[in-house]
Amino acid sequence: MVIPDWVGMEVLNEKWSLLIKDCAKYYA
């Protein structure tokens, strides 16, 4: 199954934004 680049980027951005929010909770 081939995933278009832009779909992969959307998923990555979602994961990263979740990670950043988690980090912000801990370090805020």
PDB file of N, CA and C in Angstrom:
ATOM      1  N   MET A   1       0.848  -1.199   0.000  1.00  0.00           N
ATOM      2  CA  MET A   1       0.000   0.000   0.000  1.00  0.00           C
ATOM      3  C   MET A   1       0.884   1.249   0.000  1.00  0.00           C
ATOM      4  N   VAL A   2       0.674   2.107  -0.982  1.00  0.00           N
ATOM      5  CA  VAL A   2       1.494   3.317  -1.096  1.00  0.00           C
ATOM      6  C   VAL A   2       0.723   4.502  -0.520  1.00  0.00           C
ATOM      7  N   ILE A   3       1.360   5.196   0.389  1.00  0.00           N
ATOM      8  CA  ILE A   3       0.727   6.370   1.008  1.00  0.00           C
ATOM      9  C   ILE A   3       1.312   7.621   0.373  1.00  0.00           C
ATOM     10  N   PRO A   4       0.469   8.518  -0.140  1.00  0.00           N
ATOM     11  CA  PRO A   4       0.974   9.776  -0.703  1.00  0.00           C
ATOM     12  C   PRO A   4       1.764  10.560   0.340  1.00  0.00           C
ATOM     13  N   ASP A   5       2.764  11.291  -0.126  1.00  0.00           N
ATOM     14  CA  ASP A   5       3.622  12.047   0.792  1.00  0.00           C
ATOM     15  C   ASP A   5       2.818  12.980   1.681  1.00  0.00           C
ATOM     16  N   TRP A   6       1.832  13.665   1.079  1.00  0.00           N
ATOM     17  CA  TRP A   6       1.110  14.666   1.876  1.00  0.00           C
ATOM     18  C   TRP A   6       0.300  14.011   2.976  1.00  0.00           C
ATOM     19  N   VAL A   7      -0.168  12.768   2.734  1.00  0.00           N
ATOM     20  CA  VAL A   7      -0.893  12.066   3.801  1.00  0.00           C
ATOM     21  C   VAL A   7       0.070  11.718   4.926  1.00  0.00           C
ATOM     22  N   GLY A   8       1.252  11.213   4.557  1.00  0.00           N
ATOM     23  CA  GLY A   8       2.255  10.890   5.559  1.00  0.00           C
ATOM     24  C   GLY A   8       2.627  12.113   6.380  1.00  0.00           C
ATOM     25  N   MET A   9       2.765  13.252   5.724  1.00  0.00           N
ATOM     26  CA  MET A   9       3.124  14.478   6.434  1.00  0.00           C
ATOM     27  C   MET A   9       2.024  14.883   7.404  1.00  0.00           C
ATOM     28  N   GLU A  10       0.765  14.736   6.988  1.00  0.00           N
ATOM     29  CA  GLU A  10      -0.347  15.073   7.881  1.00  0.00           C
ATOM     30  C   GLU A  10      -0.281  14.216   9.143  1.00  0.00           C
ATOM     31  N   VAL A  11      -0.058  12.916   8.954  1.00  0.00           N
ATOM     32  CA  VAL A  11      -0.003  12.012  10.107  1.00  0.00           C
ATOM     33  C   VAL A  11       1.172  12.372  11.007  1.00  0.00           C
ATOM     34  N   LEU A  12       2.341  12.625  10.389  1.00  0.00           N
ATOM     35  CA  LEU A  12       3.520  12.992  11.164  1.00  0.00           C
ATOM     36  C   LEU A  12       3.268  14.273  11.951  1.00  0.00           C
ATOM     37  N   ASN A  13       2.697  15.274  11.287  1.00  0.00           N
ATOM     38  CA  ASN A  13       2.433  16.544  11.964  1.00  0.00           C
ATOM     39  C   ASN A  13       1.507  16.334  13.146  1.00  0.00           C
ATOM     40  N   GLU A  14       0.494  15.453  12.973  1.00  0.00           N
ATOM     41  CA  GLU A  14      -0.439  15.195  14.067  1.00  0.00           C
ATOM     42  C   GLU A  14       0.292  14.564  15.241  1.00  0.00           C
ATOM     43  N   LYS A  15       1.139  13.566  14.940  1.00  0.00           N
ATOM     44  CA  LYS A  15       1.884  12.890  16.005  1.00  0.00           C
ATOM     45  C   LYS A  15       2.809  13.873  16.705  1.00  0.00           C
ATOM     46  N   TRP A  16       3.509  14.700  15.923  1.00  0.00           N
ATOM     47  CA  TRP A  16       4.450  15.644  16.523  1.00  0.00           C
ATOM     48  C   TRP A  16       3.733  16.673  17.372  1.00  0.00           C
ATOM     49  N   SER A  17       2.579  17.168  16.888  1.00  0.00           N
ATOM     50  CA  SER A  17       1.861  18.170  17.676  1.00  0.00           C
ATOM     51  C   SER A  17       1.381  17.556  18.984  1.00  0.00           C
ATOM     52  N   LEU A  18       0.974  16.274  18.953  1.00  0.00           N
ATOM     53  CA  LEU A  18       0.578  15.609  20.196  1.00  0.00           C
ATOM     54  C   LEU A  18       1.776  15.487  21.128  1.00  0.00           C
ATOM     55  N   LEU A  19       2.925  15.083  20.585  1.00  0.00           N
ATOM     56  CA  LEU A  19       4.130  14.955  21.398  1.00  0.00           C
ATOM     57  C   LEU A  19       4.498  16.294  22.023  1.00  0.00           C
ATOM     58  N   ILE A  20       4.445  17.348  21.219  1.00  0.00           N
ATOM     59  CA  ILE A  20       4.809  18.680  21.706  1.00  0.00           C
ATOM     60  C   ILE A  20       3.852  19.109  22.814  1.00  0.00           C
ATOM     61  N   LYS A  21       2.562  18.812  22.641  1.00  0.00           N
ATOM     62  CA  LYS A  21       1.597  19.162  23.686  1.00  0.00           C
ATOM     63  C   LYS A  21       1.915  18.408  24.970  1.00  0.00           C
ATOM     64  N   ASP A  22       2.248  17.111  24.846  1.00  0.00           N
ATOM     65  CA  ASP A  22       2.608  16.325  26.029  1.00  0.00           C
ATOM     66  C   ASP A  22       3.827  16.932  26.709  1.00  0.00           C
ATOM     67  N   CYS A  23       4.851  17.254  25.925  1.00  0.00           N
ATOM     68  CA  CYS A  23       6.067  17.843  26.486  1.00  0.00           C
ATOM     69  C   CYS A  23       5.741  19.168  27.161  1.00  0.00           C
ATOM     70  N   ALA A  24       4.888  19.953  26.538  1.00  0.00           N
ATOM     71  CA  ALA A  24       4.525  21.245  27.111  1.00  0.00           C
ATOM     72  C   ALA A  24       3.870  21.043  28.475  1.00  0.00           C
ATOM     73  N   LYS A  25       3.058  20.001  28.603  1.00  0.00           N
ATOM     74  CA  LYS A  25       2.432  19.720  29.898  1.00  0.00           C
ATOM     75  C   LYS A  25       3.495  19.485  30.958  1.00  0.00           C
ATOM     76  N   TYR A  26       4.505  18.675  30.608  1.00  0.00           N
ATOM     77  CA  TYR A  26       5.501  18.300  31.603  1.00  0.00           C
ATOM     78  C   TYR A  26       6.444  19.450  31.926  1.00  0.00           C
ATOM     79  N   TYR A  27       6.788  20.242  30.893  1.00  0.00           N
ATOM     80  CA  TYR A  27       7.823  21.261  31.092  1.00  0.00           C
ATOM     81  C   TYR A  27       7.263  22.651  31.326  1.00  0.00           C
ATOM     82  N   ALA A  28       5.946  22.799  31.202  1.00  0.00           N
ATOM     83  CA  ALA A  28       5.346  24.123  31.377  1.00  0.00           C
ATOM     84  C   ALA A  28       5.457  24.544  32.842  1.00  0.00           C
TER      85      ALA A  28
END
